[in-house]
């Protein structure tokens, strides 16, 4: 698996999301300051609500900018034989009869990309699955606690 290509696709997806949030924040900001959003009476909160929305979208855009910067700094070298899974690892995990691919990222958990006809999900070390995978090695068999349920898994590959 080409980890550099996977990393570039994750960064591209985050940049796309950043553009959406940036445009949404601009629109909300424009709505909040538009003359038609002025309060007609003390109960009219349209402008205030639009400003709260713009602030939240701006905050989310800042989070995405930070995530992009952290992903750009990740090394794409292969996992050393004596090191376990950590941030920057691409993991193939066999659960039941299904193989799933996960990228352990510093942020942006829940982001999905498609690479070489495989869906790859970004998880973070703070997520329940990410925390259970940290330090593990290819070939390890695990009993994962997922959503309060024990599930057997095996780490097939780590890039």
N, C-alpha and C. Protein backbone atom coordinates (compact mmCIF):
# COMPACT_ATOMS: atom_id res chain seq x y z
N UNK A 1 0.86 -1.18 0.00
CA UNK A 1 0.00 0.00 0.00
C UNK A 1 0.90 1.23 0.00
N UNK A 2 0.60 2.20 -0.84
CA UNK A 2 1.37 3.42 -0.95
C UNK A 2 0.88 4.42 0.11
N UNK A 3 1.59 4.46 1.21
CA UNK A 3 1.17 5.30 2.34
C UNK A 3 1.26 6.79 2.00
N UNK A 4 2.22 7.18 1.18
CA UNK A 4 2.34 8.59 0.80
C UNK A 4 1.10 9.04 0.03
N UNK A 5 0.61 8.18 -0.88
CA UNK A 5 -0.60 8.51 -1.65
C UNK A 5 -1.82 8.59 -0.73
N UNK A 6 -1.90 7.69 0.25
CA UNK A 6 -3.01 7.71 1.22
C UNK A 6 -2.97 9.01 2.01
N UNK A 7 -1.80 9.39 2.46
CA UNK A 7 -1.65 10.62 3.24
C UNK A 7 -2.04 11.84 2.40
N UNK A 8 -1.65 11.87 1.14
CA UNK A 8 -2.01 12.99 0.26
C UNK A 8 -3.52 13.06 0.05
N UNK A 9 -4.18 11.90 -0.05
CA UNK A 9 -5.63 11.90 -0.22
C UNK A 9 -6.33 12.38 1.05
N UNK A 10 -5.80 12.04 2.21
CA UNK A 10 -6.38 12.53 3.47
C UNK A 10 -6.25 14.06 3.53
N UNK A 11 -5.08 14.57 3.19
CA UNK A 11 -4.86 16.02 3.20
C UNK A 11 -5.79 16.71 2.20
N UNK A 12 -5.95 16.12 1.02
CA UNK A 12 -6.85 16.70 0.02
C UNK A 12 -8.29 16.72 0.53
N UNK A 13 -8.73 15.64 1.19
CA UNK A 13 -10.09 15.60 1.74
C UNK A 13 -10.27 16.69 2.80
N UNK A 14 -9.26 16.85 3.67
CA UNK A 14 -9.35 17.88 4.71
C UNK A 14 -9.37 19.28 4.10
N UNK A 15 -8.60 19.49 3.03
CA UNK A 15 -8.62 20.80 2.36
C UNK A 15 -9.99 21.07 1.75
N UNK A 16 -10.61 20.03 1.17
CA UNK A 16 -11.97 20.19 0.62
C UNK A 16 -12.94 20.60 1.73
N UNK A 17 -12.86 19.92 2.87
CA UNK A 17 -13.74 20.25 4.00
C UNK A 17 -13.47 21.66 4.50
N UNK A 18 -12.20 22.05 4.52
CA UNK A 18 -11.83 23.40 4.96
C UNK A 18 -12.48 24.44 4.05
N UNK A 19 -12.47 24.20 2.75
CA UNK A 19 -13.10 25.13 1.82
C UNK A 19 -14.59 25.27 2.09
N UNK A 20 -15.25 24.16 2.38
CA UNK A 20 -16.68 24.20 2.68
C UNK A 20 -16.94 25.03 3.94
N UNK A 21 -16.17 24.78 5.00
CA UNK A 21 -16.37 25.52 6.25
C UNK A 21 -16.02 27.00 6.09
N UNK A 22 -15.00 27.26 5.30
CA UNK A 22 -14.60 28.66 5.09
C UNK A 22 -15.71 29.43 4.39
N UNK A 23 -16.28 28.83 3.32
CA UNK A 23 -17.37 29.49 2.60
C UNK A 23 -18.61 29.63 3.48
N UNK A 24 -18.91 28.60 4.27
CA UNK A 24 -20.06 28.65 5.17
C UNK A 24 -19.89 29.75 6.21
N UNK A 25 -18.69 29.87 6.75
CA UNK A 25 -18.43 30.91 7.76
C UNK A 25 -18.55 32.30 7.13
N UNK A 26 -18.07 32.46 5.90
CA UNK A 26 -18.21 33.75 5.23
C UNK A 26 -19.68 34.10 5.02
N UNK A 27 -20.45 33.12 4.58
CA UNK A 27 -21.88 33.36 4.35
C UNK A 27 -22.60 33.71 5.65
N UNK A 28 -22.29 32.98 6.72
CA UNK A 28 -22.92 33.26 8.02
C UNK A 28 -22.51 34.63 8.55
N UNK A 29 -21.25 34.97 8.35
CA UNK A 29 -20.77 36.28 8.79
C UNK A 29 -21.48 37.40 8.02
N UNK A 30 -21.63 37.19 6.70
CA UNK A 30 -22.33 38.18 5.88
C UNK A 30 -23.79 38.31 6.32
N UNK A 31 -24.41 37.18 6.63
CA UNK A 31 -25.79 37.22 7.09
C UNK A 31 -25.90 37.92 8.43
N UNK A 32 -24.96 37.68 9.31
CA UNK A 32 -25.01 38.28 10.65
C UNK A 32 -24.87 39.80 10.59
N UNK A 33 -24.13 40.30 9.60
CA UNK A 33 -23.90 41.74 9.53
C UNK A 33 -24.77 42.44 8.50
N UNK A 34 -25.59 41.70 7.80
CA UNK A 34 -26.48 42.29 6.79
C UNK A 34 -27.54 43.14 7.49
N UNK A 35 -27.93 44.22 6.83
CA UNK A 35 -28.90 45.13 7.45
C UNK A 35 -30.26 44.48 7.70
N UNK A 36 -30.63 43.46 6.92
CA UNK A 36 -31.91 42.79 7.15
C UNK A 36 -31.86 41.89 8.39
N UNK A 37 -30.65 41.64 8.91
CA UNK A 37 -30.53 40.82 10.12
C UNK A 37 -30.59 41.65 11.39
N UNK A 38 -30.73 42.95 11.25
CA UNK A 38 -30.86 43.80 12.44
C UNK A 38 -32.13 43.43 13.19
N UNK A 39 -32.02 43.44 14.46
CA UNK A 39 -33.17 43.06 15.30
C UNK A 39 -34.28 44.10 15.18
N UNK A 40 -35.49 43.60 14.95
CA UNK A 40 -36.66 44.47 14.91
C UNK A 40 -37.16 44.78 16.32
N UNK A 41 -36.90 43.83 17.22
CA UNK A 41 -37.30 44.02 18.62
C UNK A 41 -36.36 43.17 19.48
N UNK A 42 -36.56 43.19 20.78
CA UNK A 42 -35.63 42.49 21.67
C UNK A 42 -35.71 40.97 21.54
N UNK A 43 -36.74 40.45 20.89
CA UNK A 43 -36.89 39.01 20.74
C UNK A 43 -36.36 38.49 19.40
N UNK A 44 -35.97 39.37 18.53
CA UNK A 44 -35.46 39.02 17.21
C UNK A 44 -33.96 38.72 17.33
N UNK A 45 -33.60 37.46 17.18
CA UNK A 45 -32.21 37.04 17.40
C UNK A 45 -31.55 36.50 16.14
N UNK A 46 -32.10 36.79 14.97
CA UNK A 46 -31.53 36.25 13.72
C UNK A 46 -30.06 36.61 13.57
N UNK A 47 -29.71 37.85 13.75
CA UNK A 47 -28.32 38.29 13.60
C UNK A 47 -27.41 37.63 14.61
N UNK A 48 -27.87 37.54 15.85
CA UNK A 48 -27.08 36.92 16.91
C UNK A 48 -26.85 35.43 16.59
N UNK A 49 -27.90 34.74 16.15
CA UNK A 49 -27.77 33.32 15.81
C UNK A 49 -26.81 33.12 14.65
N UNK A 50 -26.87 33.98 13.65
CA UNK A 50 -25.95 33.89 12.51
C UNK A 50 -24.51 34.12 12.95
N UNK A 51 -24.31 35.03 13.91
CA UNK A 51 -22.93 35.28 14.38
C UNK A 51 -22.41 34.09 15.17
N UNK A 52 -23.26 33.43 15.96
CA UNK A 52 -22.84 32.21 16.67
C UNK A 52 -22.47 31.12 15.68
N UNK A 53 -23.27 30.99 14.64
CA UNK A 53 -23.00 29.98 13.61
C UNK A 53 -21.68 30.27 12.91
N UNK A 54 -21.45 31.53 12.56
CA UNK A 54 -20.19 31.91 11.90
C UNK A 54 -19.00 31.62 12.80
N UNK A 55 -19.14 31.91 14.09
CA UNK A 55 -18.05 31.65 15.03
C UNK A 55 -17.74 30.15 15.11
N UNK A 56 -18.78 29.32 15.18
CA UNK A 56 -18.57 27.88 15.23
C UNK A 56 -17.94 27.34 13.96
N UNK A 57 -18.37 27.84 12.82
CA UNK A 57 -17.79 27.39 11.56
C UNK A 57 -16.34 27.86 11.43
N UNK A 58 -16.04 29.04 11.91
CA UNK A 58 -14.66 29.53 11.90
C UNK A 58 -13.78 28.68 12.80
N UNK A 59 -14.31 28.29 13.94
CA UNK A 59 -13.57 27.42 14.86
C UNK A 59 -13.27 26.07 14.20
N UNK A 60 -14.28 25.51 13.52
CA UNK A 60 -14.09 24.23 12.84
C UNK A 60 -13.05 24.38 11.72
N UNK A 61 -13.06 25.49 11.01
CA UNK A 61 -12.07 25.73 9.96
C UNK A 61 -10.67 25.80 10.56
N UNK A 62 -10.53 26.42 11.71
CA UNK A 62 -9.23 26.49 12.37
C UNK A 62 -8.75 25.10 12.79
N UNK A 63 -9.67 24.25 13.26
CA UNK A 63 -9.33 22.87 13.61
C UNK A 63 -8.83 22.11 12.38
N UNK A 64 -9.50 22.31 11.26
CA UNK A 64 -9.09 21.64 10.02
C UNK A 64 -7.73 22.14 9.55
N UNK A 65 -7.47 23.43 9.68
CA UNK A 65 -6.16 23.97 9.31
C UNK A 65 -5.06 23.33 10.16
N UNK A 66 -5.32 23.18 11.45
CA UNK A 66 -4.34 22.55 12.34
C UNK A 66 -4.15 21.08 11.97
N UNK A 67 -5.23 20.39 11.63
CA UNK A 67 -5.13 18.98 11.24
C UNK A 67 -4.32 18.84 9.96
N UNK A 68 -4.56 19.70 8.99
CA UNK A 68 -3.80 19.65 7.74
C UNK A 68 -2.32 19.83 8.01
N UNK A 69 -1.98 20.81 8.84
CA UNK A 69 -0.57 21.05 9.18
C UNK A 69 0.06 19.82 9.83
N UNK A 70 -0.66 19.17 10.74
CA UNK A 70 -0.11 17.99 11.40
C UNK A 70 0.03 16.81 10.44
N UNK A 71 -0.93 16.62 9.55
CA UNK A 71 -0.81 15.54 8.57
C UNK A 71 0.34 15.79 7.60
N UNK A 72 0.58 17.06 7.26
CA UNK A 72 1.68 17.38 6.35
C UNK A 72 3.04 17.08 6.97
N UNK A 73 3.12 17.08 8.29
CA UNK A 73 4.38 16.82 8.97
C UNK A 73 4.64 15.34 9.25
N UNK A 74 3.64 14.49 8.99
CA UNK A 74 3.81 13.07 9.26
C UNK A 74 4.82 12.45 8.32
N UNK A 75 5.65 11.60 8.86
CA UNK A 75 6.61 10.86 8.04
C UNK A 75 5.88 9.68 7.39
N UNK A 76 6.30 9.32 6.19
CA UNK A 76 5.65 8.21 5.50
C UNK A 76 6.56 6.99 5.41
N UNK A 77 7.58 6.95 6.24
CA UNK A 77 8.46 5.77 6.19
C UNK A 77 7.76 4.56 6.81
N UNK A 78 8.17 3.37 6.38
CA UNK A 78 7.51 2.16 6.89
C UNK A 78 7.73 1.96 8.39
N UNK A 79 6.85 1.19 9.00
CA UNK A 79 6.96 0.88 10.42
C UNK A 79 8.23 0.08 10.67
N UNK A 80 9.04 0.49 11.64
CA UNK A 80 10.24 -0.26 12.01
C UNK A 80 9.82 -1.56 12.68
N UNK A 81 10.60 -2.59 12.49
CA UNK A 81 10.26 -3.92 13.00
C UNK A 81 10.09 -3.95 14.52
N UNK A 82 10.80 -3.08 15.23
CA UNK A 82 10.74 -3.10 16.69
C UNK A 82 9.78 -2.05 17.27
N UNK A 83 9.03 -1.37 16.43
CA UNK A 83 8.07 -0.37 16.90
C UNK A 83 6.65 -0.84 16.64
N UNK A 84 5.80 -0.55 17.56
CA UNK A 84 4.40 -0.90 17.39
C UNK A 84 3.64 0.18 16.64
N UNK A 85 2.35 -0.03 16.51
CA UNK A 85 1.48 0.91 15.81
C UNK A 85 1.47 2.24 16.56
N UNK A 86 1.58 3.31 15.81
CA UNK A 86 1.53 4.66 16.37
C UNK A 86 0.94 5.61 15.35
N UNK A 87 1.01 6.89 15.65
CA UNK A 87 0.50 7.90 14.73
C UNK A 87 1.25 7.80 13.41
N UNK A 88 0.48 7.80 12.32
CA UNK A 88 1.06 7.70 10.99
C UNK A 88 1.03 6.29 10.42
N UNK A 89 0.57 5.32 11.23
CA UNK A 89 0.51 3.94 10.76
C UNK A 89 -0.77 3.71 9.96
N UNK A 90 -0.64 2.92 8.92
CA UNK A 90 -1.77 2.45 8.14
C UNK A 90 -1.93 0.98 8.48
N UNK A 91 -3.10 0.60 9.00
CA UNK A 91 -3.31 -0.72 9.58
C UNK A 91 -4.40 -1.49 8.85
N UNK A 92 -4.10 -2.73 8.47
CA UNK A 92 -5.13 -3.64 7.93
C UNK A 92 -5.53 -4.55 9.08
N UNK A 93 -6.80 -4.53 9.42
CA UNK A 93 -7.31 -5.27 10.58
C UNK A 93 -8.40 -6.23 10.11
N UNK A 94 -8.23 -7.50 10.46
CA UNK A 94 -9.23 -8.53 10.13
C UNK A 94 -10.15 -8.72 11.33
N UNK A 95 -11.45 -8.44 11.11
CA UNK A 95 -12.46 -8.65 12.15
C UNK A 95 -13.56 -9.50 11.54
N UNK A 96 -13.84 -10.64 12.17
CA UNK A 96 -14.80 -11.59 11.62
C UNK A 96 -14.33 -11.96 10.21
N UNK A 97 -15.18 -11.78 9.21
CA UNK A 97 -14.81 -12.11 7.84
C UNK A 97 -14.52 -10.87 7.01
N UNK A 98 -14.22 -9.78 7.68
CA UNK A 98 -14.06 -8.52 7.00
C UNK A 98 -12.69 -7.90 7.32
N UNK A 99 -12.06 -7.34 6.29
CA UNK A 99 -10.80 -6.63 6.49
C UNK A 99 -11.08 -5.14 6.38
N UNK A 100 -10.61 -4.39 7.35
CA UNK A 100 -10.81 -2.94 7.37
C UNK A 100 -9.44 -2.27 7.43
N UNK A 101 -9.34 -1.11 6.78
CA UNK A 101 -8.11 -0.34 6.78
C UNK A 101 -8.30 0.94 7.59
N UNK A 102 -7.33 1.20 8.46
CA UNK A 102 -7.38 2.38 9.33
C UNK A 102 -6.06 3.14 9.22
N UNK A 103 -6.15 4.44 9.20
CA UNK A 103 -4.97 5.30 9.28
C UNK A 103 -5.00 5.96 10.63
N UNK A 104 -3.94 5.77 11.40
CA UNK A 104 -3.87 6.38 12.74
C UNK A 104 -3.35 7.81 12.55
N UNK A 105 -4.23 8.78 12.70
CA UNK A 105 -3.87 10.17 12.48
C UNK A 105 -3.80 10.96 13.78
N UNK A 106 -3.17 12.14 13.73
CA UNK A 106 -3.08 12.97 14.93
C UNK A 106 -4.41 13.67 15.25
N UNK A 107 -5.26 13.86 14.21
CA UNK A 107 -6.56 14.53 14.34
C UNK A 107 -7.46 14.02 13.23
N UNK A 108 -8.62 14.62 13.11
CA UNK A 108 -9.55 14.38 11.99
C UNK A 108 -10.10 12.96 11.98
N UNK A 109 -10.31 12.39 13.16
CA UNK A 109 -10.91 11.06 13.23
C UNK A 109 -12.28 11.07 12.57
N UNK A 110 -12.58 10.02 11.86
CA UNK A 110 -13.84 9.89 11.16
C UNK A 110 -13.76 10.26 9.69
N UNK A 111 -12.66 10.86 9.27
CA UNK A 111 -12.46 11.18 7.87
C UNK A 111 -12.26 9.88 7.10
N UNK A 112 -12.92 9.75 5.96
CA UNK A 112 -12.74 8.55 5.14
C UNK A 112 -12.27 8.95 3.75
N UNK A 113 -11.44 8.09 3.19
CA UNK A 113 -10.99 8.26 1.80
C UNK A 113 -11.07 6.90 1.12
N UNK A 114 -10.99 6.91 -0.18
CA UNK A 114 -10.91 5.68 -0.94
C UNK A 114 -9.58 5.68 -1.68
N UNK A 115 -8.84 4.57 -1.53
CA UNK A 115 -7.55 4.43 -2.20
C UNK A 115 -7.44 3.00 -2.70
N UNK A 116 -7.13 2.85 -3.97
CA UNK A 116 -6.98 1.53 -4.60
C UNK A 116 -8.19 0.65 -4.31
N UNK A 117 -9.36 1.24 -4.42
CA UNK A 117 -10.65 0.57 -4.22
C UNK A 117 -10.87 0.07 -2.79
N UNK A 118 -10.14 0.66 -1.85
CA UNK A 118 -10.31 0.34 -0.43
C UNK A 118 -10.72 1.60 0.31
N UNK A 119 -11.70 1.46 1.19
CA UNK A 119 -12.08 2.57 2.04
C UNK A 119 -11.15 2.57 3.25
N UNK A 120 -10.61 3.74 3.56
CA UNK A 120 -9.70 3.89 4.69
C UNK A 120 -10.30 4.92 5.64
N UNK A 121 -10.40 4.56 6.89
CA UNK A 121 -10.96 5.42 7.92
C UNK A 121 -9.84 5.96 8.79
N UNK A 122 -9.82 7.27 8.99
CA UNK A 122 -8.85 7.88 9.90
C UNK A 122 -9.39 7.74 11.32
N UNK A 123 -8.55 7.20 12.20
CA UNK A 123 -8.88 7.16 13.62
C UNK A 123 -7.73 7.80 14.38
N UNK A 124 -8.00 8.23 15.58
CA UNK A 124 -6.97 8.87 16.40
C UNK A 124 -6.63 7.97 17.59
N UNK A 125 -5.49 8.20 18.22
CA UNK A 125 -5.15 7.43 19.42
C UNK A 125 -6.14 7.62 20.56
N UNK A 126 -6.92 8.70 20.52
CA UNK A 126 -7.90 8.96 21.57
C UNK A 126 -9.19 8.16 21.36
N UNK A 127 -9.40 7.64 20.17
CA UNK A 127 -10.60 6.84 19.91
C UNK A 127 -10.47 5.48 20.59
N UNK A 128 -11.57 4.83 20.89
CA UNK A 128 -11.48 3.52 21.54
C UNK A 128 -10.67 2.50 20.73
N UNK A 129 -10.90 2.42 19.43
CA UNK A 129 -10.14 1.47 18.61
C UNK A 129 -8.68 1.89 18.51
N UNK A 130 -8.44 3.18 18.29
CA UNK A 130 -7.06 3.66 18.18
C UNK A 130 -6.26 3.38 19.44
N UNK A 131 -6.85 3.60 20.59
CA UNK A 131 -6.16 3.34 21.87
C UNK A 131 -5.80 1.87 22.02
N UNK A 132 -6.67 0.99 21.54
CA UNK A 132 -6.42 -0.44 21.67
C UNK A 132 -5.38 -0.94 20.66
N UNK A 133 -5.18 -0.22 19.57
CA UNK A 133 -4.20 -0.63 18.56
C UNK A 133 -2.79 -0.12 18.84
N UNK A 134 -2.68 0.97 19.61
CA UNK A 134 -1.36 1.55 19.87
C UNK A 134 -0.38 0.53 20.43
N UNK A 135 0.81 0.50 19.83
CA UNK A 135 1.87 -0.38 20.31
C UNK A 135 1.79 -1.81 19.82
N UNK A 136 0.69 -2.18 19.17
CA UNK A 136 0.55 -3.56 18.69
C UNK A 136 1.35 -3.75 17.42
N UNK A 137 1.61 -5.03 17.08
CA UNK A 137 2.45 -5.39 15.94
C UNK A 137 1.66 -6.22 14.93
N UNK A 138 2.13 -6.26 13.67
CA UNK A 138 1.49 -7.13 12.69
C UNK A 138 1.47 -8.58 13.18
N UNK A 139 0.38 -9.26 12.96
CA UNK A 139 0.23 -10.64 13.41
C UNK A 139 -0.42 -10.78 14.77
N UNK A 140 -0.43 -9.70 15.56
CA UNK A 140 -1.07 -9.77 16.88
C UNK A 140 -2.55 -10.08 16.74
N UNK A 141 -3.03 -10.96 17.62
CA UNK A 141 -4.46 -11.25 17.72
C UNK A 141 -4.98 -10.48 18.93
N UNK A 142 -6.13 -9.86 18.77
CA UNK A 142 -6.65 -8.98 19.80
C UNK A 142 -8.09 -9.32 20.14
N UNK A 143 -8.48 -8.98 21.35
CA UNK A 143 -9.88 -8.96 21.74
C UNK A 143 -10.22 -7.50 21.94
N UNK A 144 -10.88 -6.94 20.96
CA UNK A 144 -11.21 -5.52 21.00
C UNK A 144 -12.55 -5.29 21.67
N UNK A 145 -12.62 -4.24 22.45
CA UNK A 145 -13.89 -3.83 23.05
C UNK A 145 -14.43 -2.70 22.18
N UNK A 146 -15.42 -3.03 21.34
CA UNK A 146 -16.01 -2.06 20.43
C UNK A 146 -17.48 -1.92 20.76
N UNK A 147 -17.86 -0.73 21.15
CA UNK A 147 -19.25 -0.42 21.52
C UNK A 147 -19.75 -1.36 22.62
N UNK A 148 -18.89 -1.65 23.58
CA UNK A 148 -19.27 -2.49 24.72
C UNK A 148 -19.34 -3.97 24.40
N UNK A 149 -18.87 -4.34 23.24
CA UNK A 149 -18.91 -5.74 22.80
C UNK A 149 -17.50 -6.23 22.49
N UNK A 150 -17.17 -7.41 22.99
CA UNK A 150 -15.86 -8.01 22.70
C UNK A 150 -15.87 -8.56 21.28
N UNK A 151 -14.81 -8.26 20.52
CA UNK A 151 -14.70 -8.74 19.16
C UNK A 151 -13.26 -9.16 18.91
N UNK A 152 -13.11 -10.33 18.32
CA UNK A 152 -11.77 -10.83 17.99
C UNK A 152 -11.29 -10.19 16.70
N UNK A 153 -9.99 -9.89 16.67
CA UNK A 153 -9.40 -9.25 15.49
C UNK A 153 -7.95 -9.69 15.37
N UNK A 154 -7.43 -9.54 14.17
CA UNK A 154 -6.00 -9.81 13.94
C UNK A 154 -5.45 -8.68 13.07
N UNK A 155 -4.27 -8.23 13.44
CA UNK A 155 -3.60 -7.19 12.65
C UNK A 155 -2.90 -7.91 11.51
N UNK A 156 -3.36 -7.66 10.30
CA UNK A 156 -2.80 -8.33 9.13
C UNK A 156 -1.52 -7.65 8.65
N UNK A 157 -1.57 -6.33 8.51
CA UNK A 157 -0.42 -5.58 8.00
C UNK A 157 -0.38 -4.21 8.63
N UNK A 158 0.81 -3.66 8.70
CA UNK A 158 0.99 -2.29 9.14
C UNK A 158 2.00 -1.65 8.21
N UNK A 159 1.61 -0.51 7.65
CA UNK A 159 2.55 0.22 6.77
C UNK A 159 2.97 1.49 7.44
